[in-house]
Amino acid sequence: MIMGLFHQSENDLNKSDSIALQLKSITSNYFPDSDTFDYIVLSPNPTKDKLNIKTSSALGRSSIILYNTKGFIVYQNSLNLGIECTIDLSSYPSGVYFLNILSGNKTFIKKIIKQ
């Protein structure tokens, strides 16, 4: 288990309202876990531009948050997540990111590599 401290933006470094997140897995594109979702597949990973998200079932209203390795939010969106959706990462610099999907009381966190 990996712990991380995440901030809303670089301007929030001195604020005490940081969010601590637990990363359950960062090694596989397939993430089965009875405490989270049936499954979520991210592809391609690594990616050069678009990241496809496929789930076992429609998740409904969900928050998608992408963090950089410094813990800053670089993308955030709230949407009705169906079985498939795509995030355009073409304008983001190469590097490692963490994708966080929140749906109801379920959480999914995955390492993404942007080439």
C-alpha atoms as a PDB file:
ATOM      1  CA  MET A   1       0.000   0.000   0.000  1.00  0.00           C
ATOM      2  CA  ILE A   2       1.324   3.436  -0.921  1.00  0.00           C
ATOM      3  CA  MET A   3       0.284   6.636   0.798  1.00  0.00           C
ATOM      4  CA  GLY A   4       0.334  10.011  -0.882  1.00  0.00           C
ATOM      5  CA  LEU A   5      -0.468  13.583   0.043  1.00  0.00           C
ATOM      6  CA  PHE A   6      -2.241  15.525  -2.654  1.00  0.00           C
ATOM      7  CA  HIS A   7      -2.957  19.248  -2.992  1.00  0.00           C
ATOM      8  CA  GLN A   8      -5.533  21.097  -5.088  1.00  0.00           C
ATOM      9  CA  SER A   9      -2.863  23.244  -6.785  1.00  0.00           C
ATOM     10  CA  GLU A  10       0.682  24.447  -6.339  1.00  0.00           C
ATOM     11  CA  ASN A  11      -0.696  27.503  -4.516  1.00  0.00           C
ATOM     12  CA  ASP A  12      -2.126  25.251  -1.799  1.00  0.00           C
ATOM     13  CA  LEU A  13       1.215  23.936  -0.517  1.00  0.00           C
ATOM     14  CA  ASN A  14       0.899  25.757   2.812  1.00  0.00           C
ATOM     15  CA  LYS A  15      -2.774  25.025   3.380  1.00  0.00           C
ATOM     16  CA  SER A  16      -3.917  22.316   5.775  1.00  0.00           C
ATOM     17  CA  ASP A  17      -6.814  21.057   3.632  1.00  0.00           C
ATOM     18  CA  SER A  18      -4.759  18.492   1.714  1.00  0.00           C
ATOM     19  CA  ILE A  19      -6.309  15.143   0.886  1.00  0.00           C
ATOM     20  CA  ALA A  20      -4.533  11.916   1.824  1.00  0.00           C
ATOM     21  CA  LEU A  21      -5.208   9.089  -0.643  1.00  0.00           C
ATOM     22  CA  GLN A  22      -4.253   5.428  -0.436  1.00  0.00           C
ATOM     23  CA  LEU A  23      -3.047   3.854  -3.650  1.00  0.00           C
ATOM     24  CA  LYS A  24      -4.146   0.214  -3.610  1.00  0.00           C
ATOM     25  CA  SER A  25      -2.527  -0.811  -6.876  1.00  0.00           C
ATOM     26  CA  ILE A  26      -0.356   0.840  -9.465  1.00  0.00           C
ATOM     27  CA  THR A  27       0.940  -2.144 -11.374  1.00  0.00           C
ATOM     28  CA  SER A  28      -1.849  -3.460 -13.611  1.00  0.00           C
ATOM     29  CA  ASN A  29      -4.263  -2.052 -16.199  1.00  0.00           C
ATOM     30  CA  TYR A  30      -6.894  -4.509 -14.968  1.00  0.00           C
ATOM     31  CA  PHE A  31      -8.092  -3.705 -11.464  1.00  0.00           C
ATOM     32  CA  PRO A  32     -10.482  -6.268  -9.931  1.00  0.00           C
ATOM     33  CA  ASP A  33     -11.334  -5.522  -6.313  1.00  0.00           C
ATOM     34  CA  SER A  34     -14.519  -6.300  -4.425  1.00  0.00           C
ATOM     35  CA  ASP A  35     -14.099  -3.109  -2.360  1.00  0.00           C
ATOM     36  CA  THR A  36     -13.929  -0.878  -5.433  1.00  0.00           C
ATOM     37  CA  PHE A  37     -15.310  -1.704  -8.912  1.00  0.00           C
ATOM     38  CA  ASP A  38     -15.952  -5.010 -10.668  1.00  0.00           C
ATOM     39  CA  TYR A  39     -13.258  -3.989 -13.130  1.00  0.00           C
ATOM     40  CA  ILE A  40     -11.810  -0.990 -14.908  1.00  0.00           C
ATOM     41  CA  VAL A  41      -9.470  -1.257 -17.877  1.00  0.00           C
ATOM     42  CA  LEU A  42      -7.294   1.681 -18.937  1.00  0.00           C
ATOM     43  CA  SER A  43      -5.761   1.549 -22.399  1.00  0.00           C
ATOM     44  CA  PRO A  44      -3.368   2.224 -23.836  1.00  0.00           C
ATOM     45  CA  ASN A  45      -1.084   2.641 -20.855  1.00  0.00           C
ATOM     46  CA  PRO A  46       1.447   4.091 -21.550  1.00  0.00           C
ATOM     47  CA  THR A  47      -0.406   6.530 -23.811  1.00  0.00           C
ATOM     48  CA  LYS A  48       0.628   9.302 -26.180  1.00  0.00           C
ATOM     49  CA  ASP A  49      -2.692  11.121 -26.434  1.00  0.00           C
ATOM     50  CA  LYS A  50      -6.040   9.512 -25.584  1.00  0.00           C
ATOM     51  CA  LEU A  51      -6.707   7.292 -22.568  1.00  0.00           C
ATOM     52  CA  ASN A  52      -9.677   4.925 -22.889  1.00  0.00           C
ATOM     53  CA  ILE A  53     -11.549   3.912 -19.742  1.00  0.00           C
ATOM     54  CA  LYS A  54     -13.727   0.783 -19.879  1.00  0.00           C
ATOM     55  CA  THR A  55     -15.774  -0.442 -16.926  1.00  0.00           C
ATOM     56  CA  SER A  56     -17.806  -3.573 -16.254  1.00  0.00           C
ATOM     57  CA  SER A  57     -20.955  -1.472 -15.861  1.00  0.00           C
ATOM     58  CA  ALA A  58     -22.087   2.143 -16.097  1.00  0.00           C
ATOM     59  CA  LEU A  59     -20.930   3.994 -12.984  1.00  0.00           C
ATOM     60  CA  GLY A  60     -23.265   6.989 -13.243  1.00  0.00           C
ATOM     61  CA  ARG A  61     -22.205  10.326 -11.781  1.00  0.00           C
ATOM     62  CA  SER A  62     -18.462  10.069 -11.177  1.00  0.00           C
ATOM     63  CA  SER A  63     -15.511  12.344 -10.548  1.00  0.00           C
ATOM     64  CA  ILE A  64     -12.331  11.838 -12.538  1.00  0.00           C
ATOM     65  CA  ILE A  65      -9.216  13.484 -11.119  1.00  0.00           C
ATOM     66  CA  LEU A  66      -5.712  13.293 -12.570  1.00  0.00           C
ATOM     67  CA  TYR A  67      -2.739  14.104 -10.315  1.00  0.00           C
ATOM     68  CA  ASN A  68       0.872  14.666 -11.310  1.00  0.00           C
ATOM     69  CA  THR A  69       3.711  13.124  -9.298  1.00  0.00           C
ATOM     70  CA  LYS A  70       3.934  16.251  -7.125  1.00  0.00           C
ATOM     71  CA  GLY A  71       0.351  15.619  -6.016  1.00  0.00           C
ATOM     72  CA  PHE A  72      -1.208  18.540  -7.895  1.00  0.00           C
ATOM     73  CA  ILE A  73      -4.533  18.176  -9.684  1.00  0.00           C
ATOM     74  CA  VAL A  74      -3.931  18.652 -13.415  1.00  0.00           C
ATOM     75  CA  TYR A  75      -7.368  17.492 -14.637  1.00  0.00           C
ATOM     76  CA  GLN A  76     -10.714  17.242 -12.920  1.00  0.00           C
ATOM     77  CA  ASN A  77     -14.143  16.481 -14.320  1.00  0.00           C
ATOM     78  CA  SER A  78     -17.492  15.303 -13.010  1.00  0.00           C
ATOM     79  CA  LEU A  79     -19.532  13.317 -15.509  1.00  0.00           C
ATOM     80  CA  ASN A  80     -21.955  10.469 -16.038  1.00  0.00           C
ATOM     81  CA  LEU A  81     -19.477   7.669 -16.650  1.00  0.00           C
ATOM     82  CA  GLY A  82     -20.877   4.965 -18.889  1.00  0.00           C
ATOM     83  CA  ILE A  83     -19.163   1.727 -19.795  1.00  0.00           C
ATOM     84  CA  GLU A  84     -16.621   3.559 -21.976  1.00  0.00           C
ATOM     85  CA  CYS A  85     -15.113   7.036 -21.957  1.00  0.00           C
ATOM     86  CA  THR A  86     -11.983   8.761 -23.258  1.00  0.00           C
ATOM     87  CA  ILE A  87      -9.730  11.415 -21.738  1.00  0.00           C
ATOM     88  CA  ASP A  88      -7.542  13.482 -24.077  1.00  0.00           C
ATOM     89  CA  LEU A  89      -4.034  13.753 -22.610  1.00  0.00           C
ATOM     90  CA  SER A  90      -2.348  15.045 -25.782  1.00  0.00           C
ATOM     91  CA  SER A  91      -1.688  18.501 -24.291  1.00  0.00           C
ATOM     92  CA  TYR A  92      -0.092  17.142 -21.100  1.00  0.00           C
ATOM     93  CA  PRO A  93       3.680  16.794 -20.715  1.00  0.00           C
ATOM     94  CA  SER A  94       5.245  13.340 -20.725  1.00  0.00           C
ATOM     95  CA  GLY A  95       5.484  11.777 -17.308  1.00  0.00           C
ATOM     96  CA  VAL A  96       3.717   9.770 -14.632  1.00  0.00           C
ATOM     97  CA  TYR A  97       0.209  10.637 -13.448  1.00  0.00           C
ATOM     98  CA  PHE A  98      -2.321   9.085 -11.096  1.00  0.00           C
ATOM     99  CA  LEU A  99      -5.929   8.720 -12.233  1.00  0.00           C
ATOM    100  CA  ASN A 100      -8.541   8.748  -9.469  1.00  0.00           C
ATOM    101  CA  ILE A 101     -12.156   7.790 -10.225  1.00  0.00           C
ATOM    102  CA  LEU A 102     -14.723   8.359  -7.481  1.00  0.00           C
ATOM    103  CA  SER A 103     -18.215   6.936  -7.906  1.00  0.00           C
ATOM    104  CA  GLY A 104     -20.527   6.819  -4.914  1.00  0.00           C
ATOM    105  CA  ASN A 105     -18.501   5.226  -2.134  1.00  0.00           C
ATOM    106  CA  LYS A 106     -16.130   3.465  -4.565  1.00  0.00           C
ATOM    107  CA  THR A 107     -12.620   4.618  -5.429  1.00  0.00           C
ATOM    108  CA  PHE A 108     -10.180   3.598  -8.150  1.00  0.00           C
ATOM    109  CA  ILE A 109      -6.596   4.902  -8.359  1.00  0.00           C
ATOM    110  CA  LYS A 110      -4.204   3.926 -11.151  1.00  0.00           C
ATOM    111  CA  LYS A 111      -0.782   5.012 -12.378  1.00  0.00           C
ATOM    112  CA  ILE A 112      -0.829   6.407 -15.932  1.00  0.00           C
ATOM    113  CA  ILE A 113       2.269   6.936 -18.051  1.00  0.00           C
ATOM    114  CA  LYS A 114       2.048   9.735 -20.638  1.00  0.00           C
ATOM    115  CA  GLN A 115       4.674   9.434 -23.381  1.00  0.00           C
END
